[in-house]
Amino acid sequence: MKKVAFITALALCSANLWAGPAPWYKWHSRDADYDICAQTSPGNGWVIIKGPFEDSACKKLLRN
């Protein structure tokens, strides 16, 4: 029984090894005429205008 539990725990922990990086998006501020590249929303008043991208400069579009 301990062996099955160990193998199950090992499989669950190793799932993180297959996870890819989060995509990047180009965000635009409604308040200030300003664009940035970020993986998550910078806050209220920001909308996604393009993406997802592979890189932090928002230059390489992510291919599916």
PDB file of N, CA and C in Angstrom:
ATOM      1  N   MET A   1       0.825  -1.205   0.000  1.00  0.00           N
ATOM      2  CA  MET A   1       0.000   0.000   0.000  1.00  0.00           C
ATOM      3  C   MET A   1       0.868   1.267   0.000  1.00  0.00           C
ATOM      4  N   LYS A   2       1.982   1.216   0.744  1.00  0.00           N
ATOM      5  CA  LYS A   2       2.868   2.381   0.791  1.00  0.00           C
ATOM      6  C   LYS A   2       3.495   2.645  -0.570  1.00  0.00           C
ATOM      7  N   LYS A   3       3.768   1.576  -1.298  1.00  0.00           N
ATOM      8  CA  LYS A   3       4.375   1.728  -2.617  1.00  0.00           C
ATOM      9  C   LYS A   3       3.414   2.420  -3.583  1.00  0.00           C
ATOM     10  N   VAL A   4       2.137   2.062  -3.527  1.00  0.00           N
ATOM     11  CA  VAL A   4       1.129   2.687  -4.392  1.00  0.00           C
ATOM     12  C   VAL A   4       0.977   4.163  -4.038  1.00  0.00           C
ATOM     13  N   ALA A   5       0.957   4.473  -2.751  1.00  0.00           N
ATOM     14  CA  ALA A   5       0.833   5.865  -2.317  1.00  0.00           C
ATOM     15  C   ALA A   5       2.050   6.680  -2.763  1.00  0.00           C
ATOM     16  N   PHE A   6       3.234   6.083  -2.660  1.00  0.00           N
ATOM     17  CA  PHE A   6       4.454   6.766  -3.080  1.00  0.00           C
ATOM     18  C   PHE A   6       4.437   7.047  -4.583  1.00  0.00           C
ATOM     19  N   ILE A   7       4.060   6.066  -5.372  1.00  0.00           N
ATOM     20  CA  ILE A   7       4.015   6.237  -6.835  1.00  0.00           C
ATOM     21  C   ILE A   7       2.972   7.276  -7.219  1.00  0.00           C
ATOM     22  N   THR A   8       1.836   7.273  -6.547  1.00  0.00           N
ATOM     23  CA  THR A   8       0.796   8.271  -6.818  1.00  0.00           C
ATOM     24  C   THR A   8       1.286   9.671  -6.477  1.00  0.00           C
ATOM     25  N   ALA A   9       1.919   9.824  -5.327  1.00  0.00           N
ATOM     26  CA  ALA A   9       2.450  11.134  -4.934  1.00  0.00           C
ATOM     27  C   ALA A   9       3.525  11.600  -5.899  1.00  0.00           C
ATOM     28  N   LEU A  10       4.377  10.689  -6.320  1.00  0.00           N
ATOM     29  CA  LEU A  10       5.430  11.030  -7.270  1.00  0.00           C
ATOM     30  C   LEU A  10       4.847  11.486  -8.603  1.00  0.00           C
ATOM     31  N   ALA A  11       3.816  10.814  -9.067  1.00  0.00           N
ATOM     32  CA  ALA A  11       3.173  11.187 -10.334  1.00  0.00           C
ATOM     33  C   ALA A  11       2.517  12.559 -10.234  1.00  0.00           C
ATOM     34  N   LEU A  12       1.874  12.836  -9.116  1.00  0.00           N
ATOM     35  CA  LEU A  12       1.225  14.142  -8.942  1.00  0.00           C
ATOM     36  C   LEU A  12       2.241  15.273  -8.860  1.00  0.00           C
ATOM     37  N   CYS A  13       3.351  15.036  -8.201  1.00  0.00           N
ATOM     38  CA  CYS A  13       4.390  16.069  -8.079  1.00  0.00           C
ATOM     39  C   CYS A  13       5.120  16.297  -9.397  1.00  0.00           C
ATOM     40  N   SER A  14       5.281  15.262 -10.187  1.00  0.00           N
ATOM     41  CA  SER A  14       6.022  15.410 -11.439  1.00  0.00           C
ATOM     42  C   SER A  14       5.185  16.066 -12.536  1.00  0.00           C
ATOM     43  N   ALA A  15       3.886  16.222 -12.327  1.00  0.00           N
ATOM     44  CA  ALA A  15       3.038  16.877 -13.328  1.00  0.00           C
ATOM     45  C   ALA A  15       3.483  18.312 -13.571  1.00  0.00           C
ATOM     46  N   ASN A  16       4.072  18.958 -12.570  1.00  0.00           N
ATOM     47  CA  ASN A  16       4.555  20.331 -12.735  1.00  0.00           C
ATOM     48  C   ASN A  16       5.700  20.419 -13.735  1.00  0.00           C
ATOM     49  N   LEU A  17       6.395  19.335 -13.960  1.00  0.00           N
ATOM     50  CA  LEU A  17       7.513  19.351 -14.902  1.00  0.00           C
ATOM     51  C   LEU A  17       7.051  19.558 -16.334  1.00  0.00           C
ATOM     52  N   TRP A  18       5.814  19.202 -16.642  1.00  0.00           N
ATOM     53  CA  TRP A  18       5.284  19.341 -18.003  1.00  0.00           C
ATOM     54  C   TRP A  18       4.580  20.676 -18.226  1.00  0.00           C
ATOM     55  N   ALA A  19       4.388  21.430 -17.185  1.00  0.00           N
ATOM     56  CA  ALA A  19       3.695  22.705 -17.312  1.00  0.00           C
ATOM     57  C   ALA A  19       4.579  23.699 -18.060  1.00  0.00           C
ATOM     58  N   GLY A  20       3.988  24.416 -18.983  1.00  0.00           N
ATOM     59  CA  GLY A  20       4.721  25.426 -19.728  1.00  0.00           C
ATOM     60  C   GLY A  20       4.619  26.780 -19.049  1.00  0.00           C
ATOM     61  N   PRO A  21       5.383  27.749 -19.513  1.00  0.00           N
ATOM     62  CA  PRO A  21       5.317  29.089 -18.933  1.00  0.00           C
ATOM     63  C   PRO A  21       4.009  29.776 -19.302  1.00  0.00           C
ATOM     64  N   ALA A  22       3.602  30.702 -18.491  1.00  0.00           N
ATOM     65  CA  ALA A  22       2.380  31.453 -18.753  1.00  0.00           C
ATOM     66  C   ALA A  22       2.583  32.365 -19.966  1.00  0.00           C
ATOM     67  N   PRO A  23       1.561  32.538 -20.790  1.00  0.00           N
ATOM     68  CA  PRO A  23       1.708  33.416 -21.954  1.00  0.00           C
ATOM     69  C   PRO A  23       1.721  34.895 -21.543  1.00  0.00           C
ATOM     70  N   TRP A  24       2.253  35.722 -22.429  1.00  0.00           N
ATOM     71  CA  TRP A  24       2.312  37.166 -22.236  1.00  0.00           C
ATOM     72  C   TRP A  24       1.246  37.830 -23.093  1.00  0.00           C
ATOM     73  N   TYR A  25       0.735  38.957 -22.644  1.00  0.00           N
ATOM     74  CA  TYR A  25      -0.284  39.708 -23.382  1.00  0.00           C
ATOM     75  C   TYR A  25       0.100  41.179 -23.433  1.00  0.00           C
ATOM     76  N   LYS A  26      -0.319  41.856 -24.495  1.00  0.00           N
ATOM     77  CA  LYS A  26      -0.133  43.301 -24.582  1.00  0.00           C
ATOM     78  C   LYS A  26      -1.381  43.937 -23.983  1.00  0.00           C
ATOM     79  N   TRP A  27      -1.180  44.769 -22.976  1.00  0.00           N
ATOM     80  CA  TRP A  27      -2.264  45.424 -22.239  1.00  0.00           C
ATOM     81  C   TRP A  27      -2.264  46.920 -22.553  1.00  0.00           C
ATOM     82  N   HIS A  28      -3.455  47.513 -22.596  1.00  0.00           N
ATOM     83  CA  HIS A  28      -3.609  48.954 -22.847  1.00  0.00           C
ATOM     84  C   HIS A  28      -4.376  49.585 -21.689  1.00  0.00           C
ATOM     85  N   SER A  29      -3.877  50.713 -21.222  1.00  0.00           N
ATOM     86  CA  SER A  29      -4.542  51.447 -20.147  1.00  0.00           C
ATOM     87  C   SER A  29      -5.628  52.335 -20.733  1.00  0.00           C
ATOM     88  N   ARG A  30      -6.814  52.244 -20.162  1.00  0.00           N
ATOM     89  CA  ARG A  30      -7.912  53.123 -20.612  1.00  0.00           C
ATOM     90  C   ARG A  30      -7.705  54.555 -20.122  1.00  0.00           C
ATOM     91  N   ASP A  31      -7.074  54.703 -18.977  1.00  0.00           N
ATOM     92  CA  ASP A  31      -6.891  56.034 -18.385  1.00  0.00           C
ATOM     93  C   ASP A  31      -5.746  56.811 -19.033  1.00  0.00           C
ATOM     94  N   ALA A  32      -4.607  56.152 -19.185  1.00  0.00           N
ATOM     95  CA  ALA A  32      -3.449  56.776 -19.808  1.00  0.00           C
ATOM     96  C   ALA A  32      -3.216  56.067 -21.138  1.00  0.00           C
ATOM     97  N   ASP A  33      -2.844  56.780 -22.144  1.00  0.00           N
ATOM     98  CA  ASP A  33      -2.608  56.172 -23.457  1.00  0.00           C
ATOM     99  C   ASP A  33      -1.263  55.459 -23.420  1.00  0.00           C
ATOM    100  N   TYR A  34      -1.265  54.245 -22.832  1.00  0.00           N
ATOM    101  CA  TYR A  34      -0.026  53.540 -22.538  1.00  0.00           C
ATOM    102  C   TYR A  34      -0.233  52.041 -22.718  1.00  0.00           C
ATOM    103  N   ASP A  35       0.735  51.340 -23.315  1.00  0.00           N
ATOM    104  CA  ASP A  35       0.684  49.891 -23.497  1.00  0.00           C
ATOM    105  C   ASP A  35       1.853  49.242 -22.785  1.00  0.00           C
ATOM    106  N   ILE A  36       1.604  48.053 -22.210  1.00  0.00           N
ATOM    107  CA  ILE A  36       2.672  47.272 -21.588  1.00  0.00           C
ATOM    108  C   ILE A  36       2.488  45.803 -21.951  1.00  0.00           C
ATOM    109  N   CYS A  37       3.509  45.010 -21.683  1.00  0.00           N
ATOM    110  CA  CYS A  37       3.463  43.572 -21.894  1.00  0.00           C
ATOM    111  C   CYS A  37       3.546  42.900 -20.522  1.00  0.00           C
ATOM    112  N   ALA A  38       2.551  42.058 -20.189  1.00  0.00           N
ATOM    113  CA  ALA A  38       2.536  41.392 -18.888  1.00  0.00           C
ATOM    114  C   ALA A  38       1.800  40.063 -18.986  1.00  0.00           C
ATOM    115  N   GLN A  39       2.083  39.176 -18.034  1.00  0.00           N
ATOM    116  CA  GLN A  39       1.418  37.879 -18.007  1.00  0.00           C
ATOM    117  C   GLN A  39       0.060  37.947 -17.318  1.00  0.00           C
ATOM    118  N   THR A  40      -0.095  38.856 -16.402  1.00  0.00           N
ATOM    119  CA  THR A  40      -1.364  39.024 -15.689  1.00  0.00           C
ATOM    120  C   THR A  40      -1.807  40.482 -15.774  1.00  0.00           C
ATOM    121  N   SER A  41      -3.048  40.727 -15.454  1.00  0.00           N
ATOM    122  CA  SER A  41      -3.589  42.080 -15.525  1.00  0.00           C
ATOM    123  C   SER A  41      -2.849  43.016 -14.582  1.00  0.00           C
ATOM    124  N   PRO A  42      -2.447  44.194 -15.081  1.00  0.00           N
ATOM    125  CA  PRO A  42      -1.779  45.166 -14.218  1.00  0.00           C
ATOM    126  C   PRO A  42      -2.729  45.823 -13.215  1.00  0.00           C
ATOM    127  N   GLY A  43      -4.035  45.633 -13.384  1.00  0.00           N
ATOM    128  CA  GLY A  43      -5.005  46.216 -12.457  1.00  0.00           C
ATOM    129  C   GLY A  43      -6.236  46.714 -13.177  1.00  0.00           C
ATOM    130  N   ASN A  44      -7.024  47.478 -12.468  1.00  0.00           N
ATOM    131  CA  ASN A  44      -8.257  48.026 -13.042  1.00  0.00           C
ATOM    132  C   ASN A  44      -7.936  49.023 -14.152  1.00  0.00           C
ATOM    133  N   GLY A  45      -8.754  49.033 -15.178  1.00  0.00           N
ATOM    134  CA  GLY A  45      -8.568  49.979 -16.270  1.00  0.00           C
ATOM    135  C   GLY A  45      -7.655  49.495 -17.382  1.00  0.00           C
ATOM    136  N   TRP A  46      -7.179  48.251 -17.309  1.00  0.00           N
ATOM    137  CA  TRP A  46      -6.307  47.694 -18.341  1.00  0.00           C
ATOM    138  C   TRP A  46      -7.071  46.635 -19.124  1.00  0.00           C
ATOM    139  N   VAL A  47      -6.904  46.621 -20.446  1.00  0.00           N
ATOM    140  CA  VAL A  47      -7.569  45.630 -21.302  1.00  0.00           C
ATOM    141  C   VAL A  47      -6.526  44.982 -22.219  1.00  0.00           C
ATOM    142  N   ILE A  48      -6.764  43.710 -22.539  1.00  0.00           N
ATOM    143  CA  ILE A  48      -5.876  43.002 -23.466  1.00  0.00           C
ATOM    144  C   ILE A  48      -6.155  43.500 -24.875  1.00  0.00           C
ATOM    145  N   ILE A  49      -5.094  43.906 -25.579  1.00  0.00           N
ATOM    146  CA  ILE A  49      -5.276  44.349 -26.956  1.00  0.00           C
ATOM    147  C   ILE A  49      -4.670  43.383 -27.965  1.00  0.00           C
ATOM    148  N   LYS A  50      -3.744  42.509 -27.504  1.00  0.00           N
ATOM    149  CA  LYS A  50      -3.144  41.544 -28.411  1.00  0.00           C
ATOM    150  C   LYS A  50      -2.481  40.430 -27.613  1.00  0.00           C
ATOM    151  N   GLY A  51      -2.425  39.248 -28.205  1.00  0.00           N
ATOM    152  CA  GLY A  51      -1.751  38.144 -27.558  1.00  0.00           C
ATOM    153  C   GLY A  51      -2.506  36.850 -27.763  1.00  0.00           C
ATOM    154  N   PRO A  52      -2.018  35.780 -27.251  1.00  0.00           N
ATOM    155  CA  PRO A  52      -0.877  35.617 -26.368  1.00  0.00           C
ATOM    156  C   PRO A  52       0.459  35.592 -27.110  1.00  0.00           C
ATOM    157  N   PHE A  53       1.523  35.944 -26.381  1.00  0.00           N
ATOM    158  CA  PHE A  53       2.873  35.977 -26.912  1.00  0.00           C
ATOM    159  C   PHE A  53       3.758  34.992 -26.155  1.00  0.00           C
ATOM    160  N   GLU A  54       4.864  34.583 -26.779  1.00  0.00           N
ATOM    161  CA  GLU A  54       5.835  33.683 -26.155  1.00  0.00           C
ATOM    162  C   GLU A  54       6.827  34.423 -25.269  1.00  0.00           C
ATOM    163  N   ASP A  55       7.105  35.691 -25.584  1.00  0.00           N
ATOM    164  CA  ASP A  55       8.189  36.420 -24.924  1.00  0.00           C
ATOM    165  C   ASP A  55       7.687  37.641 -24.167  1.00  0.00           C
ATOM    166  N   SER A  56       8.538  38.139 -23.276  1.00  0.00           N
ATOM    167  CA  SER A  56       8.168  39.271 -22.424  1.00  0.00           C
ATOM    168  C   SER A  56       8.188  40.609 -23.155  1.00  0.00           C
ATOM    169  N   ALA A  57       8.652  40.625 -24.390  1.00  0.00           N
ATOM    170  CA  ALA A  57       8.633  41.855 -25.181  1.00  0.00           C
ATOM    171  C   ALA A  57       7.379  41.916 -26.065  1.00  0.00           C
ATOM    172  N   CYS A  58       6.566  40.866 -26.006  1.00  0.00           N
ATOM    173  CA  CYS A  58       5.339  40.765 -26.818  1.00  0.00           C
ATOM    174  C   CYS A  58       5.651  40.903 -28.306  1.00  0.00           C
ATOM    175  N   LYS A  59       6.675  40.185 -28.757  1.00  0.00           N
ATOM    176  CA  LYS A  59       7.072  40.219 -30.169  1.00  0.00           C
ATOM    177  C   LYS A  59       6.707  38.916 -30.883  1.00  0.00           C
ATOM    178  N   LYS A  60       6.891  37.760 -30.227  1.00  0.00           N
ATOM    179  CA  LYS A  60       6.650  36.459 -30.853  1.00  0.00           C
ATOM    180  C   LYS A  60       5.280  35.929 -30.459  1.00  0.00           C
ATOM    181  N   LEU A  61       4.349  35.901 -31.404  1.00  0.00           N
ATOM    182  CA  LEU A  61       3.015  35.374 -31.116  1.00  0.00           C
ATOM    183  C   LEU A  61       3.113  33.885 -30.785  1.00  0.00           C
ATOM    184  N   LEU A  62       2.327  33.473 -29.824  1.00  0.00           N
ATOM    185  CA  LEU A  62       2.304  32.069 -29.398  1.00  0.00           C
ATOM    186  C   LEU A  62       1.545  31.256 -30.434  1.00  0.00           C
ATOM    187  N   ARG A  63       2.149  30.167 -30.863  1.00  0.00           N
ATOM    188  CA  ARG A  63       1.507  29.272 -31.821  1.00  0.00           C
ATOM    189  C   ARG A  63       0.869  28.109 -31.078  1.00  0.00           C
ATOM    190  N   ASN A  64      -0.316  27.741 -31.503  1.00  0.00           N
ATOM    191  CA  ASN A  64      -1.019  26.626 -30.851  1.00  0.00           C
ATOM    192  C   ASN A  64      -0.580  25.310 -31.409  1.00  0.00           C
TER     193      ASN A  64
END
